[in-house]
Amino acid sequence: MSEEQVPVVKKRKQVSNPDFVKAYHECESYVELAEKTGLSRESCAGRSGKLRQMGVILPAYKRQTKRVDVEALNALAPFAGTCTQEFDAPAAKRS
């Protein structure tokens, strides 16, 4: 007799709103929150937005930006040193 393969259905992780809010305040990023709750990062971001719309106080996480080493990247270019900053390269952002 051949055994029938039963498809495995992935159950959604359920986290109550109080548990979610508590975990949100204990974490510093959506990635960390996702790991803690077992939800996806996108679900955590969406859920926190909906809770904010309902009036729940959830401070925004700081944006995690990666620093770009412009000099190292320019050194990789085959034409490194052939263009001038003032004419060929875009101007750096001024803050």
PDB file of N, CA and C in Angstrom:
ATOM      1  N   MET A   1       0.821  -1.190   0.000  1.00  0.00           N
ATOM      2  CA  MET A   1       0.000   0.000   0.000  1.00  0.00           C
ATOM      3  C   MET A   1       0.867   1.256   0.000  1.00  0.00           C
ATOM      4  N   SER A   2       0.492   2.201  -0.803  1.00  0.00           N
ATOM      5  CA  SER A   2       1.250   3.450  -0.827  1.00  0.00           C
ATOM      6  C   SER A   2       0.643   4.428   0.175  1.00  0.00           C
ATOM      7  N   GLU A   3       1.517   5.121   0.811  1.00  0.00           N
ATOM      8  CA  GLU A   3       1.048   6.097   1.797  1.00  0.00           C
ATOM      9  C   GLU A   3       0.757   7.410   1.089  1.00  0.00           C
ATOM     10  N   GLU A   4      -0.346   7.997   1.430  1.00  0.00           N
ATOM     11  CA  GLU A   4      -0.700   9.287   0.845  1.00  0.00           C
ATOM     12  C   GLU A   4       0.032  10.385   1.599  1.00  0.00           C
ATOM     13  N   GLN A   5       0.522  11.333   0.838  1.00  0.00           N
ATOM     14  CA  GLN A   5       1.184  12.458   1.473  1.00  0.00           C
ATOM     15  C   GLN A   5       0.149  13.510   1.833  1.00  0.00           C
ATOM     16  N   VAL A   6       0.150  13.858   3.078  1.00  0.00           N
ATOM     17  CA  VAL A   6      -0.773  14.877   3.555  1.00  0.00           C
ATOM     18  C   VAL A   6      -0.031  16.213   3.550  1.00  0.00           C
ATOM     19  N   PRO A   7      -0.587  17.219   2.863  1.00  0.00           N
ATOM     20  CA  PRO A   7       0.098  18.509   2.836  1.00  0.00           C
ATOM     21  C   PRO A   7       0.149  19.122   4.235  1.00  0.00           C
ATOM     22  N   VAL A   8       1.292  19.686   4.536  1.00  0.00           N
ATOM     23  CA  VAL A   8       1.463  20.326   5.834  1.00  0.00           C
ATOM     24  C   VAL A   8       0.966  21.757   5.728  1.00  0.00           C
ATOM     25  N   VAL A   9       0.018  22.086   6.568  1.00  0.00           N
ATOM     26  CA  VAL A   9      -0.535  23.435   6.570  1.00  0.00           C
ATOM     27  C   VAL A   9       0.158  24.220   7.672  1.00  0.00           C
ATOM     28  N   LYS A  10       0.738  25.348   7.273  1.00  0.00           N
ATOM     29  CA  LYS A  10       1.431  26.191   8.234  1.00  0.00           C
ATOM     30  C   LYS A  10       0.400  26.989   9.016  1.00  0.00           C
ATOM     31  N   LYS A  11       0.433  26.856  10.321  1.00  0.00           N
ATOM     32  CA  LYS A  11      -0.491  27.630  11.141  1.00  0.00           C
ATOM     33  C   LYS A  11       0.116  28.989  11.418  1.00  0.00           C
ATOM     34  N   ARG A  12      -0.724  29.984  11.398  1.00  0.00           N
ATOM     35  CA  ARG A  12      -0.265  31.321  11.721  1.00  0.00           C
ATOM     36  C   ARG A  12       0.032  31.418  13.205  1.00  0.00           C
ATOM     37  N   LYS A  13       1.077  32.121  13.502  1.00  0.00           N
ATOM     38  CA  LYS A  13       1.426  32.371  14.896  1.00  0.00           C
ATOM     39  C   LYS A  13       0.455  33.427  15.419  1.00  0.00           C
ATOM     40  N   GLN A  14      -0.152  33.148  16.561  1.00  0.00           N
ATOM     41  CA  GLN A  14      -1.087  34.099  17.143  1.00  0.00           C
ATOM     42  C   GLN A  14      -0.478  34.700  18.395  1.00  0.00           C
ATOM     43  N   VAL A  15      -0.446  36.027  18.411  1.00  0.00           N
ATOM     44  CA  VAL A  15       0.077  36.762  19.551  1.00  0.00           C
ATOM     45  C   VAL A  15      -0.989  37.764  19.946  1.00  0.00           C
ATOM     46  N   SER A  16      -1.371  37.772  21.214  1.00  0.00           N
ATOM     47  CA  SER A  16      -2.405  38.702  21.666  1.00  0.00           C
ATOM     48  C   SER A  16      -1.879  40.128  21.615  1.00  0.00           C
ATOM     49  N   ASN A  17      -2.785  41.090  21.532  1.00  0.00           N
ATOM     50  CA  ASN A  17      -2.373  42.489  21.487  1.00  0.00           C
ATOM     51  C   ASN A  17      -1.561  42.899  22.722  1.00  0.00           C
ATOM     52  N   PRO A  18      -1.974  42.517  23.936  1.00  0.00           N
ATOM     53  CA  PRO A  18      -1.150  42.884  25.096  1.00  0.00           C
ATOM     54  C   PRO A  18       0.258  42.297  25.028  1.00  0.00           C
ATOM     55  N   ASP A  19       0.382  41.050  24.586  1.00  0.00           N
ATOM     56  CA  ASP A  19       1.700  40.437  24.458  1.00  0.00           C
ATOM     57  C   ASP A  19       2.523  41.124  23.372  1.00  0.00           C
ATOM     58  N   PHE A  20       1.852  41.500  22.284  1.00  0.00           N
ATOM     59  CA  PHE A  20       2.537  42.175  21.189  1.00  0.00           C
ATOM     60  C   PHE A  20       3.067  43.532  21.640  1.00  0.00           C
ATOM     61  N   VAL A  21       2.244  44.306  22.337  1.00  0.00           N
ATOM     62  CA  VAL A  21       2.652  45.636  22.798  1.00  0.00           C
ATOM     63  C   VAL A  21       3.799  45.527  23.803  1.00  0.00           C
ATOM     64  N   LYS A  22       3.717  44.555  24.694  1.00  0.00           N
ATOM     65  CA  LYS A  22       4.794  44.352  25.669  1.00  0.00           C
ATOM     66  C   LYS A  22       6.101  44.015  24.952  1.00  0.00           C
ATOM     67  N   ALA A  23       6.041  43.110  23.992  1.00  0.00           N
ATOM     68  CA  ALA A  23       7.231  42.727  23.231  1.00  0.00           C
ATOM     69  C   ALA A  23       7.752  43.910  22.418  1.00  0.00           C
ATOM     70  N   TYR A  24       6.843  44.725  21.870  1.00  0.00           N
ATOM     71  CA  TYR A  24       7.235  45.887  21.071  1.00  0.00           C
ATOM     72  C   TYR A  24       8.108  46.824  21.897  1.00  0.00           C
ATOM     73  N   HIS A  25       7.697  47.081  23.136  1.00  0.00           N
ATOM     74  CA  HIS A  25       8.441  48.006  23.994  1.00  0.00           C
ATOM     75  C   HIS A  25       9.767  47.415  24.467  1.00  0.00           C
ATOM     76  N   GLU A  26       9.900  46.098  24.444  1.00  0.00           N
ATOM     77  CA  GLU A  26      11.140  45.452  24.877  1.00  0.00           C
ATOM     78  C   GLU A  26      12.174  45.347  23.759  1.00  0.00           C
ATOM     79  N   CYS A  27      11.747  45.545  22.515  1.00  0.00           N
ATOM     80  CA  CYS A  27      12.644  45.379  21.367  1.00  0.00           C
ATOM     81  C   CYS A  27      13.083  46.728  20.804  1.00  0.00           C
ATOM     82  N   GLU A  28      14.101  46.686  19.949  1.00  0.00           N
ATOM     83  CA  GLU A  28      14.629  47.909  19.357  1.00  0.00           C
ATOM     84  C   GLU A  28      14.461  47.961  17.834  1.00  0.00           C
ATOM     85  N   SER A  29      13.954  46.880  17.234  1.00  0.00           N
ATOM     86  CA  SER A  29      13.738  46.869  15.791  1.00  0.00           C
ATOM     87  C   SER A  29      12.652  45.854  15.448  1.00  0.00           C
ATOM     88  N   TYR A  30      12.120  45.984  14.218  1.00  0.00           N
ATOM     89  CA  TYR A  30      11.102  45.035  13.782  1.00  0.00           C
ATOM     90  C   TYR A  30      11.677  43.638  13.615  1.00  0.00           C
ATOM     91  N   VAL A  31      12.948  43.551  13.250  1.00  0.00           N
ATOM     92  CA  VAL A  31      13.591  42.245  13.098  1.00  0.00           C
ATOM     93  C   VAL A  31      13.642  41.542  14.457  1.00  0.00           C
ATOM     94  N   GLU A  32      14.045  42.281  15.482  1.00  0.00           N
ATOM     95  CA  GLU A  32      14.105  41.722  16.831  1.00  0.00           C
ATOM     96  C   GLU A  32      12.707  41.349  17.322  1.00  0.00           C
ATOM     97  N   LEU A  33      11.726  42.197  17.040  1.00  0.00           N
ATOM     98  CA  LEU A  33      10.345  41.929  17.439  1.00  0.00           C
ATOM     99  C   LEU A  33       9.815  40.679  16.739  1.00  0.00           C
ATOM    100  N   ALA A  34      10.148  40.525  15.463  1.00  0.00           N
ATOM    101  CA  ALA A  34       9.700  39.351  14.708  1.00  0.00           C
ATOM    102  C   ALA A  34      10.275  38.075  15.300  1.00  0.00           C
ATOM    103  N   GLU A  35      11.547  38.115  15.664  1.00  0.00           N
ATOM    104  CA  GLU A  35      12.175  36.935  16.268  1.00  0.00           C
ATOM    105  C   GLU A  35      11.525  36.600  17.606  1.00  0.00           C
ATOM    106  N   LYS A  36      11.208  37.632  18.368  1.00  0.00           N
ATOM    107  CA  LYS A  36      10.643  37.419  19.703  1.00  0.00           C
ATOM    108  C   LYS A  36       9.217  36.881  19.649  1.00  0.00           C
ATOM    109  N   THR A  37       8.421  37.377  18.695  1.00  0.00           N
ATOM    110  CA  THR A  37       7.013  36.993  18.630  1.00  0.00           C
ATOM    111  C   THR A  37       6.741  35.808  17.707  1.00  0.00           C
ATOM    112  N   GLY A  38       7.659  35.533  16.794  1.00  0.00           N
ATOM    113  CA  GLY A  38       7.442  34.460  15.835  1.00  0.00           C
ATOM    114  C   GLY A  38       6.647  34.907  14.623  1.00  0.00           C
ATOM    115  N   LEU A  39       6.391  36.202  14.500  1.00  0.00           N
ATOM    116  CA  LEU A  39       5.694  36.757  13.351  1.00  0.00           C
ATOM    117  C   LEU A  39       6.732  37.225  12.331  1.00  0.00           C
ATOM    118  N   SER A  40       6.282  37.553  11.126  1.00  0.00           N
ATOM    119  CA  SER A  40       7.217  38.096  10.141  1.00  0.00           C
ATOM    120  C   SER A  40       7.459  39.570  10.440  1.00  0.00           C
ATOM    121  N   ARG A  41       8.563  40.094   9.917  1.00  0.00           N
ATOM    122  CA  ARG A  41       8.891  41.499  10.131  1.00  0.00           C
ATOM    123  C   ARG A  41       7.800  42.396   9.549  1.00  0.00           C
ATOM    124  N   GLU A  42       7.273  42.018   8.401  1.00  0.00           N
ATOM    125  CA  GLU A  42       6.229  42.795   7.743  1.00  0.00           C
ATOM    126  C   GLU A  42       4.945  42.793   8.570  1.00  0.00           C
ATOM    127  N   SER A  43       4.617  41.648   9.173  1.00  0.00           N
ATOM    128  CA  SER A  43       3.426  41.564  10.019  1.00  0.00           C
ATOM    129  C   SER A  43       3.572  42.455  11.244  1.00  0.00           C
ATOM    130  N   CYS A  44       4.763  42.478  11.805  1.00  0.00           N
ATOM    131  CA  CYS A  44       5.012  43.314  12.984  1.00  0.00           C
ATOM    132  C   CYS A  44       4.865  44.792  12.642  1.00  0.00           C
ATOM    133  N   ALA A  45       5.413  45.204  11.507  1.00  0.00           N
ATOM    134  CA  ALA A  45       5.322  46.600  11.095  1.00  0.00           C
ATOM    135  C   ALA A  45       3.869  46.986  10.815  1.00  0.00           C
ATOM    136  N   GLY A  46       3.148  46.125  10.122  1.00  0.00           N
ATOM    137  CA  GLY A  46       1.746  46.406   9.813  1.00  0.00           C
ATOM    138  C   GLY A  46       0.876  46.453  11.049  1.00  0.00           C
ATOM    139  N   ARG A  47       1.106  45.517  11.934  1.00  0.00           N
ATOM    140  CA  ARG A  47       0.294  45.454  13.151  1.00  0.00           C
ATOM    141  C   ARG A  47       0.551  46.655  14.042  1.00  0.00           C
ATOM    142  N   SER A  48       1.810  47.067  14.159  1.00  0.00           N
ATOM    143  CA  SER A  48       2.101  48.232  14.991  1.00  0.00           C
ATOM    144  C   SER A  48       1.457  49.488  14.397  1.00  0.00           C
ATOM    145  N   GLY A  49       1.433  49.585  13.073  1.00  0.00           N
ATOM    146  CA  GLY A  49       0.777  50.724  12.427  1.00  0.00           C
ATOM    147  C   GLY A  49      -0.711  50.757  12.691  1.00  0.00           C
ATOM    148  N   LYS A  50      -1.349  49.599  12.623  1.00  0.00           N
ATOM    149  CA  LYS A  50      -2.794  49.540  12.889  1.00  0.00           C
ATOM    150  C   LYS A  50      -3.100  49.863  14.348  1.00  0.00           C
ATOM    151  N   LEU A  51      -2.253  49.369  15.255  1.00  0.00           N
ATOM    152  CA  LEU A  51      -2.459  49.675  16.667  1.00  0.00           C
ATOM    153  C   LEU A  51      -2.276  51.173  16.939  1.00  0.00           C
ATOM    154  N   ARG A  52      -1.309  51.798  16.253  1.00  0.00           N
ATOM    155  CA  ARG A  52      -1.120  53.251  16.401  1.00  0.00           C
ATOM    156  C   ARG A  52      -2.362  54.004  15.919  1.00  0.00           C
ATOM    157  N   GLN A  53      -2.951  53.550  14.801  1.00  0.00           N
ATOM    158  CA  GLN A  53      -4.154  54.190  14.271  1.00  0.00           C
ATOM    159  C   GLN A  53      -5.308  54.106  15.262  1.00  0.00           C
ATOM    160  N   MET A  54      -5.321  53.034  16.064  1.00  0.00           N
ATOM    161  CA  MET A  54      -6.376  52.873  17.071  1.00  0.00           C
ATOM    162  C   MET A  54      -6.093  53.691  18.325  1.00  0.00           C
ATOM    163  N   GLY A  55      -4.892  54.281  18.412  1.00  0.00           N
ATOM    164  CA  GLY A  55      -4.570  55.130  19.548  1.00  0.00           C
ATOM    165  C   GLY A  55      -3.576  54.539  20.539  1.00  0.00           C
ATOM    166  N   VAL A  56      -3.040  53.343  20.264  1.00  0.00           N
ATOM    167  CA  VAL A  56      -2.061  52.726  21.153  1.00  0.00           C
ATOM    168  C   VAL A  56      -0.732  53.467  20.980  1.00  0.00           C
ATOM    169  N   ILE A  57      -0.090  53.806  22.075  1.00  0.00           N
ATOM    170  CA  ILE A  57       1.174  54.537  22.018  1.00  0.00           C
ATOM    171  C   ILE A  57       2.318  53.556  21.779  1.00  0.00           C
ATOM    172  N   LEU A  58       2.830  53.579  20.567  1.00  0.00           N
ATOM    173  CA  LEU A  58       3.980  52.764  20.189  1.00  0.00           C
ATOM    174  C   LEU A  58       4.981  53.685  19.510  1.00  0.00           C
ATOM    175  N   PRO A  59       6.067  54.021  20.188  1.00  0.00           N
ATOM    176  CA  PRO A  59       7.049  54.908  19.557  1.00  0.00           C
ATOM    177  C   PRO A  59       7.700  54.219  18.362  1.00  0.00           C
ATOM    178  N   ALA A  60       8.009  55.014  17.345  1.00  0.00           N
ATOM    179  CA  ALA A  60       8.627  54.465  16.140  1.00  0.00           C
ATOM    180  C   ALA A  60      10.042  54.001  16.448  1.00  0.00           C
ATOM    181  N   TYR A  61      10.422  52.888  15.854  1.00  0.00           N
ATOM    182  CA  TYR A  61      11.792  52.414  15.987  1.00  0.00           C
ATOM    183  C   TYR A  61      12.697  53.334  15.172  1.00  0.00           C
ATOM    184  N   LYS A  62      13.938  53.470  15.609  1.00  0.00           N
ATOM    185  CA  LYS A  62      14.902  54.262  14.847  1.00  0.00           C
ATOM    186  C   LYS A  62      15.201  53.527  13.552  1.00  0.00           C
ATOM    187  N   ARG A  63      15.339  54.275  12.488  1.00  0.00           N
ATOM    188  CA  ARG A  63      15.681  53.675  11.194  1.00  0.00           C
ATOM    189  C   ARG A  63      17.103  53.160  11.254  1.00  0.00           C
ATOM    190  N   GLN A  64      17.286  51.979  10.748  1.00  0.00           N
ATOM    191  CA  GLN A  64      18.603  51.377  10.766  1.00  0.00           C
ATOM    192  C   GLN A  64      19.204  51.500   9.376  1.00  0.00           C
ATOM    193  N   THR A  65      20.074  52.481   9.231  1.00  0.00           N
ATOM    194  CA  THR A  65      20.690  52.705   7.934  1.00  0.00           C
ATOM    195  C   THR A  65      22.127  52.204   7.951  1.00  0.00           C
ATOM    196  N   LYS A  66      22.547  51.731   6.820  1.00  0.00           N
ATOM    197  CA  LYS A  66      23.913  51.248   6.683  1.00  0.00           C
ATOM    198  C   LYS A  66      24.766  52.388   6.139  1.00  0.00           C
ATOM    199  N   ARG A  67      25.923  52.535   6.709  1.00  0.00           N
ATOM    200  CA  ARG A  67      26.858  53.559   6.226  1.00  0.00           C
ATOM    201  C   ARG A  67      27.534  53.047   4.957  1.00  0.00           C
ATOM    202  N   VAL A  68      27.723  53.949   4.024  1.00  0.00           N
ATOM    203  CA  VAL A  68      28.363  53.602   2.761  1.00  0.00           C
ATOM    204  C   VAL A  68      29.764  54.197   2.760  1.00  0.00           C
ATOM    205  N   ASP A  69      30.751  53.359   2.518  1.00  0.00           N
ATOM    206  CA  ASP A  69      32.134  53.812   2.418  1.00  0.00           C
ATOM    207  C   ASP A  69      32.377  54.213   0.965  1.00  0.00           C
ATOM    208  N   VAL A  70      32.156  55.482   0.671  1.00  0.00           N
ATOM    209  CA  VAL A  70      32.235  55.986  -0.696  1.00  0.00           C
ATOM    210  C   VAL A  70      33.636  55.818  -1.257  1.00  0.00           C
ATOM    211  N   GLU A  71      34.659  56.111  -0.475  1.00  0.00           N
ATOM    212  CA  GLU A  71      36.042  56.006  -0.974  1.00  0.00           C
ATOM    213  C   GLU A  71      36.373  54.565  -1.373  1.00  0.00           C
ATOM    214  N   ALA A  72      35.953  53.596  -0.563  1.00  0.00           N
ATOM    215  CA  ALA A  72      36.230  52.192  -0.877  1.00  0.00           C
ATOM    216  C   ALA A  72      35.505  51.769  -2.150  1.00  0.00           C
ATOM    217  N   LEU A  73      34.279  52.237  -2.324  1.00  0.00           N
ATOM    218  CA  LEU A  73      33.523  51.894  -3.534  1.00  0.00           C
ATOM    219  C   LEU A  73      34.126  52.545  -4.765  1.00  0.00           C
ATOM    220  N   ASN A  74      34.565  53.784  -4.624  1.00  0.00           N
ATOM    221  CA  ASN A  74      35.193  54.470  -5.757  1.00  0.00           C
ATOM    222  C   ASN A  74      36.505  53.811  -6.140  1.00  0.00           C
ATOM    223  N   ALA A  75      37.210  53.246  -5.167  1.00  0.00           N
ATOM    224  CA  ALA A  75      38.473  52.578  -5.454  1.00  0.00           C
ATOM    225  C   ALA A  75      38.260  51.312  -6.281  1.00  0.00           C
ATOM    226  N   LEU A  76      37.081  50.739  -6.211  1.00  0.00           N
ATOM    227  CA  LEU A  76      36.777  49.537  -6.983  1.00  0.00           C
ATOM    228  C   LEU A  76      36.491  49.835  -8.448  1.00  0.00           C
ATOM    229  N   ALA A  77      36.147  51.068  -8.739  1.00  0.00           N
ATOM    230  CA  ALA A  77      35.792  51.440 -10.105  1.00  0.00           C
ATOM    231  C   ALA A  77      37.026  51.415 -10.993  1.00  0.00           C
ATOM    232  N   PRO A  78      36.884  50.918 -12.231  1.00  0.00           N
ATOM    233  CA  PRO A  78      38.032  50.849 -13.138  1.00  0.00           C
ATOM    234  C   PRO A  78      38.569  52.228 -13.517  1.00  0.00           C
ATOM    235  N   PHE A  79      37.731  53.223 -13.424  1.00  0.00           N
ATOM    236  CA  PHE A  79      38.150  54.572 -13.790  1.00  0.00           C
ATOM    237  C   PHE A  79      38.473  55.406 -12.561  1.00  0.00           C
ATOM    238  N   ALA A  80      38.755  54.769 -11.446  1.00  0.00           N
ATOM    239  CA  ALA A  80      39.014  55.496 -10.202  1.00  0.00           C
ATOM    240  C   ALA A  80      40.073  56.564 -10.418  1.00  0.00           C
ATOM    241  N   GLY A  81      39.743  57.749 -10.023  1.00  0.00           N
ATOM    242  CA  GLY A  81      40.684  58.854 -10.130  1.00  0.00           C
ATOM    243  C   GLY A  81      40.617  59.585 -11.458  1.00  0.00           C
ATOM    244  N   THR A  82      39.808  59.118 -12.410  1.00  0.00           N
ATOM    245  CA  THR A  82      39.755  59.790 -13.714  1.00  0.00           C
ATOM    246  C   THR A  82      38.671  60.851 -13.788  1.00  0.00           C
ATOM    247  N   CYS A  83      37.680  60.790 -12.930  1.00  0.00           N
ATOM    248  CA  CYS A  83      36.638  61.808 -12.970  1.00  0.00           C
ATOM    249  C   CYS A  83      36.894  62.832 -11.873  1.00  0.00           C
ATOM    250  N   THR A  84      36.403  64.006 -12.103  1.00  0.00           N
ATOM    251  CA  THR A  84      36.591  65.060 -11.110  1.00  0.00           C
ATOM    252  C   THR A  84      35.296  65.266 -10.363  1.00  0.00           C
ATOM    253  N   GLN A  85      35.406  65.581  -9.125  1.00  0.00           N
ATOM    254  CA  GLN A  85      34.239  65.761  -8.264  1.00  0.00           C
ATOM    255  C   GLN A  85      33.341  66.878  -8.785  1.00  0.00           C
ATOM    256  N   GLU A  86      33.936  67.944  -9.274  1.00  0.00           N
ATOM    257  CA  GLU A  86      33.147  69.116  -9.622  1.00  0.00           C
ATOM    258  C   GLU A  86      32.351  68.953 -10.924  1.00  0.00           C
ATOM    259  N   PHE A  87      32.791  68.081 -11.856  1.00  0.00           N
ATOM    260  CA  PHE A  87      32.089  67.983 -13.127  1.00  0.00           C
ATOM    261  C   PHE A  87      31.367  66.653 -13.342  1.00  0.00           C
ATOM    262  N   ASP A  88      32.025  65.535 -13.057  1.00  0.00           N
ATOM    263  CA  ASP A  88      31.483  64.226 -13.411  1.00  0.00           C
ATOM    264  C   ASP A  88      30.675  63.550 -12.310  1.00  0.00           C
ATOM    265  N   ALA A  89      31.085  63.695 -11.092  1.00  0.00           N
ATOM    266  CA  ALA A  89      30.431  62.994  -9.991  1.00  0.00           C
ATOM    267  C   ALA A  89      29.315  63.850  -9.435  1.00  0.00           C
ATOM    268  N   PRO A  90      28.209  63.231  -8.979  1.00  0.00           N
ATOM    269  CA  PRO A  90      27.128  64.018  -8.383  1.00  0.00           C
ATOM    270  C   PRO A  90      27.606  64.643  -7.081  1.00  0.00           C
ATOM    271  N   ALA A  91      27.068  65.798  -6.805  1.00  0.00           N
ATOM    272  CA  ALA A  91      27.455  66.509  -5.576  1.00  0.00           C
ATOM    273  C   ALA A  91      26.948  65.767  -4.356  1.00  0.00           C
ATOM    274  N   ALA A  92      27.743  65.798  -3.302  1.00  0.00           N
ATOM    275  CA  ALA A  92      27.354  65.147  -2.052  1.00  0.00           C
ATOM    276  C   ALA A  92      26.209  65.927  -1.420  1.00  0.00           C
ATOM    277  N   LYS A  93      25.351  65.212  -0.700  1.00  0.00           N
ATOM    278  CA  LYS A  93      24.242  65.864  -0.018  1.00  0.00           C
ATOM    279  C   LYS A  93      24.777  66.764   1.071  1.00  0.00           C
ATOM    280  N   ARG A  94      24.179  67.901   1.190  1.00  0.00           N
ATOM    281  CA  ARG A  94      24.575  68.829   2.252  1.00  0.00           C
ATOM    282  C   ARG A  94      23.540  68.778   3.348  1.00  0.00           C
ATOM    283  N   SER A  95      23.998  68.631   4.569  1.00  0.00           N
ATOM    284  CA  SER A  95      23.059  68.557   5.704  1.00  0.00           C
ATOM    285  C   SER A  95      23.023  69.862   6.439  1.00  0.00           C
TER     286      SER A  95
END
